[in-house]
Amino acid sequence: MASAEEEMETPGSSAGARRDEDIALDLMKFVAMTTGYGRTTSSGVGFQGTGAAAKPEEYAGHLLDLYGKCLGAVAGKK
């Protein structure tokens, strides 16, 4: 099994797709933390948008939706 460093250096591997996923994850974290996206309390600064989640499952669902949007935005840059 190849190490993470070897996988990143291998030409023709799926490292590009993994990179997009990493960027999308970082973008999702940034948006969620700075906006309070999906949180039940409004402790974040800035946009206090769409309805807050009442349960942890709903919060996770909001984050997964946000990740999907971020991944689409990152993939659309090409």
N, C-alpha and C. Protein backbone atom coordinates (compact mmCIF):
# COMPACT_ATOMS: atom_id res chain seq x y z
N MET A 1 0.85 -1.19 0.00
CA MET A 1 0.00 0.00 0.00
C MET A 1 0.89 1.24 0.00
N ALA A 2 0.57 2.20 -0.83
CA ALA A 2 1.37 3.42 -0.96
C ALA A 2 1.04 4.40 0.16
N SER A 3 2.04 5.17 0.54
CA SER A 3 1.81 6.18 1.57
C SER A 3 1.09 7.36 0.95
N ALA A 4 0.59 8.26 1.79
CA ALA A 4 -0.12 9.44 1.31
C ALA A 4 0.78 10.31 0.45
N GLU A 5 2.05 10.42 0.83
CA GLU A 5 2.99 11.22 0.04
C GLU A 5 3.21 10.61 -1.33
N GLU A 6 3.33 9.27 -1.40
CA GLU A 6 3.53 8.62 -2.68
C GLU A 6 2.30 8.78 -3.57
N GLU A 7 1.12 8.68 -2.99
CA GLU A 7 -0.11 8.83 -3.77
C GLU A 7 -0.21 10.23 -4.36
N MET A 8 0.21 11.24 -3.62
CA MET A 8 0.13 12.62 -4.11
C MET A 8 1.11 12.86 -5.24
N GLU A 9 2.23 12.13 -5.27
CA GLU A 9 3.26 12.35 -6.26
C GLU A 9 3.09 11.47 -7.49
N THR A 10 2.20 10.50 -7.45
CA THR A 10 2.03 9.57 -8.55
C THR A 10 1.27 10.25 -9.69
N PRO A 11 1.90 10.37 -10.86
CA PRO A 11 1.20 10.97 -12.00
C PRO A 11 0.02 10.12 -12.42
N GLY A 12 -1.07 10.74 -12.80
CA GLY A 12 -2.24 10.02 -13.27
C GLY A 12 -3.11 9.43 -12.17
N SER A 13 -2.77 9.66 -10.92
CA SER A 13 -3.60 9.14 -9.83
C SER A 13 -4.77 10.07 -9.59
N SER A 14 -5.61 9.72 -8.64
CA SER A 14 -6.79 10.54 -8.35
C SER A 14 -6.47 11.65 -7.35
N ALA A 15 -5.21 12.07 -7.28
CA ALA A 15 -4.81 13.12 -6.34
C ALA A 15 -5.53 14.43 -6.64
N GLY A 16 -5.83 14.72 -7.90
CA GLY A 16 -6.54 15.94 -8.26
C GLY A 16 -7.94 15.96 -7.66
N ALA A 17 -8.65 14.84 -7.73
CA ALA A 17 -9.99 14.76 -7.16
C ALA A 17 -9.93 14.89 -5.65
N ARG A 18 -8.95 14.29 -5.04
CA ARG A 18 -8.80 14.40 -3.59
C ARG A 18 -8.50 15.84 -3.20
N ARG A 19 -7.75 16.52 -3.99
CA ARG A 19 -7.42 17.92 -3.71
C ARG A 19 -8.69 18.77 -3.74
N ASP A 20 -9.55 18.57 -4.70
CA ASP A 20 -10.81 19.31 -4.76
C ASP A 20 -11.65 19.05 -3.50
N GLU A 21 -11.66 17.80 -3.04
CA GLU A 21 -12.42 17.47 -1.84
C GLU A 21 -11.85 18.18 -0.62
N ASP A 22 -10.52 18.26 -0.55
CA ASP A 22 -9.88 18.97 0.57
C ASP A 22 -10.21 20.45 0.55
N ILE A 23 -10.17 21.05 -0.63
CA ILE A 23 -10.49 22.47 -0.76
C ILE A 23 -11.95 22.71 -0.38
N ALA A 24 -12.84 21.86 -0.85
CA ALA A 24 -14.26 22.00 -0.54
C ALA A 24 -14.50 21.86 0.97
N LEU A 25 -13.79 20.93 1.61
CA LEU A 25 -13.93 20.75 3.05
C LEU A 25 -13.46 21.99 3.80
N ASP A 26 -12.33 22.54 3.40
CA ASP A 26 -11.84 23.77 4.04
C ASP A 26 -12.81 24.93 3.83
N LEU A 27 -13.36 25.04 2.63
CA LEU A 27 -14.33 26.09 2.34
C LEU A 27 -15.58 25.91 3.19
N MET A 28 -16.06 24.67 3.32
CA MET A 28 -17.23 24.40 4.14
C MET A 28 -16.98 24.78 5.59
N LYS A 29 -15.81 24.41 6.11
CA LYS A 29 -15.47 24.76 7.50
C LYS A 29 -15.47 26.27 7.69
N PHE A 30 -14.86 26.98 6.75
CA PHE A 30 -14.80 28.44 6.84
C PHE A 30 -16.19 29.06 6.84
N VAL A 31 -17.02 28.65 5.90
CA VAL A 31 -18.38 29.21 5.80
C VAL A 31 -19.19 28.86 7.04
N ALA A 32 -19.11 27.61 7.48
CA ALA A 32 -19.89 27.18 8.65
C ALA A 32 -19.46 27.92 9.91
N MET A 33 -18.16 28.10 10.08
CA MET A 33 -17.66 28.75 11.30
C MET A 33 -17.92 30.25 11.30
N THR A 34 -17.77 30.90 10.16
CA THR A 34 -17.93 32.35 10.13
C THR A 34 -19.39 32.79 10.08
N THR A 35 -20.27 31.92 9.60
CA THR A 35 -21.68 32.30 9.48
C THR A 35 -22.58 31.65 10.51
N GLY A 36 -22.09 30.61 11.20
CA GLY A 36 -22.94 29.87 12.11
C GLY A 36 -23.95 29.03 11.35
N TYR A 37 -23.62 28.63 10.13
CA TYR A 37 -24.52 27.89 9.25
C TYR A 37 -25.06 26.63 9.93
N GLY A 38 -26.37 26.54 10.06
CA GLY A 38 -27.02 25.36 10.61
C GLY A 38 -27.00 25.24 12.12
N ARG A 39 -26.42 26.19 12.81
CA ARG A 39 -26.32 26.12 14.27
C ARG A 39 -27.66 26.46 14.92
N THR A 40 -27.82 25.98 16.16
CA THR A 40 -29.06 26.27 16.89
C THR A 40 -28.97 27.60 17.62
N THR A 41 -27.76 28.07 17.87
CA THR A 41 -27.59 29.38 18.51
C THR A 41 -26.96 30.33 17.52
N SER A 42 -27.17 31.60 17.70
CA SER A 42 -26.63 32.58 16.76
C SER A 42 -25.40 33.25 17.35
N SER A 43 -24.34 32.46 17.57
CA SER A 43 -23.12 33.00 18.15
C SER A 43 -22.14 33.49 17.10
N GLY A 44 -22.40 33.18 15.82
CA GLY A 44 -21.47 33.57 14.76
C GLY A 44 -21.65 35.01 14.33
N VAL A 45 -20.63 35.52 13.70
CA VAL A 45 -20.67 36.87 13.17
C VAL A 45 -21.06 36.78 11.71
N GLY A 46 -21.80 37.77 11.23
CA GLY A 46 -22.12 37.81 9.81
C GLY A 46 -23.49 37.23 9.51
N PHE A 47 -23.59 36.61 8.36
CA PHE A 47 -24.86 36.08 7.87
C PHE A 47 -25.46 35.08 8.84
N GLN A 48 -26.70 35.28 9.22
CA GLN A 48 -27.39 34.39 10.15
C GLN A 48 -28.54 33.68 9.45
N GLY A 49 -28.32 33.31 8.23
CA GLY A 49 -29.31 32.84 7.28
C GLY A 49 -30.21 31.69 7.64
N THR A 50 -30.33 30.75 6.75
CA THR A 50 -31.36 29.73 6.75
C THR A 50 -31.54 29.05 8.09
N GLY A 51 -32.74 28.54 8.30
CA GLY A 51 -33.17 27.98 9.57
C GLY A 51 -32.15 27.17 10.33
N ALA A 52 -32.15 27.36 11.61
CA ALA A 52 -31.21 26.66 12.47
C ALA A 52 -31.69 25.24 12.74
N ALA A 53 -30.76 24.33 12.90
CA ALA A 53 -31.08 22.94 13.17
C ALA A 53 -31.44 22.74 14.64
N ALA A 54 -32.49 21.97 14.89
CA ALA A 54 -32.92 21.70 16.26
C ALA A 54 -32.23 20.47 16.84
N LYS A 55 -31.79 19.55 15.98
CA LYS A 55 -31.19 18.29 16.43
C LYS A 55 -29.82 18.13 15.79
N PRO A 56 -28.94 17.36 16.43
CA PRO A 56 -27.61 17.11 15.83
C PRO A 56 -27.69 16.51 14.43
N GLU A 57 -28.69 15.64 14.19
CA GLU A 57 -28.84 15.03 12.87
C GLU A 57 -29.15 16.08 11.82
N GLU A 58 -29.98 17.06 12.19
CA GLU A 58 -30.31 18.13 11.25
C GLU A 58 -29.10 19.00 10.97
N TYR A 59 -28.32 19.27 12.02
CA TYR A 59 -27.10 20.06 11.85
C TYR A 59 -26.14 19.35 10.91
N ALA A 60 -25.98 18.04 11.09
CA ALA A 60 -25.11 17.27 10.21
C ALA A 60 -25.63 17.32 8.78
N GLY A 61 -26.92 17.24 8.62
CA GLY A 61 -27.51 17.34 7.28
C GLY A 61 -27.24 18.67 6.63
N HIS A 62 -27.34 19.76 7.41
CA HIS A 62 -27.04 21.09 6.90
C HIS A 62 -25.58 21.17 6.43
N LEU A 63 -24.68 20.60 7.24
CA LEU A 63 -23.26 20.64 6.88
C LEU A 63 -22.98 19.81 5.63
N LEU A 64 -23.64 18.67 5.50
CA LEU A 64 -23.45 17.85 4.30
C LEU A 64 -23.96 18.58 3.05
N ASP A 65 -25.10 19.26 3.18
CA ASP A 65 -25.61 20.05 2.07
C ASP A 65 -24.63 21.16 1.70
N LEU A 66 -24.09 21.83 2.71
CA LEU A 66 -23.13 22.90 2.47
C LEU A 66 -21.87 22.34 1.81
N TYR A 67 -21.40 21.18 2.25
CA TYR A 67 -20.23 20.56 1.64
C TYR A 67 -20.48 20.27 0.16
N GLY A 68 -21.67 19.76 -0.15
CA GLY A 68 -22.01 19.49 -1.54
C GLY A 68 -21.97 20.75 -2.40
N LYS A 69 -22.47 21.84 -1.85
CA LYS A 69 -22.43 23.12 -2.57
C LYS A 69 -20.99 23.59 -2.75
N CYS A 70 -20.18 23.44 -1.72
CA CYS A 70 -18.78 23.84 -1.80
C CYS A 70 -18.02 22.99 -2.81
N LEU A 71 -18.27 21.69 -2.81
CA LEU A 71 -17.61 20.80 -3.75
C LEU A 71 -18.01 21.15 -5.19
N GLY A 72 -19.27 21.48 -5.38
CA GLY A 72 -19.72 21.90 -6.71
C GLY A 72 -19.05 23.20 -7.15
N ALA A 73 -18.88 24.13 -6.21
CA ALA A 73 -18.23 25.39 -6.54
C ALA A 73 -16.77 25.18 -6.88
N VAL A 74 -16.09 24.32 -6.13
CA VAL A 74 -14.68 24.03 -6.38
C VAL A 74 -14.51 23.31 -7.71
N ALA A 75 -15.35 22.33 -7.97
CA ALA A 75 -15.27 21.56 -9.23
C ALA A 75 -15.61 22.44 -10.43
N GLY A 76 -16.44 23.44 -10.23
CA GLY A 76 -16.85 24.33 -11.31
C GLY A 76 -15.78 25.32 -11.72
N LYS A 77 -14.72 25.43 -10.94
CA LYS A 77 -13.67 26.40 -11.25
C LYS A 77 -12.80 25.97 -12.43
N LYS A 78 -12.88 24.71 -12.82
CA LYS A 78 -12.01 24.19 -13.89
C LYS A 78 -12.53 24.53 -15.25
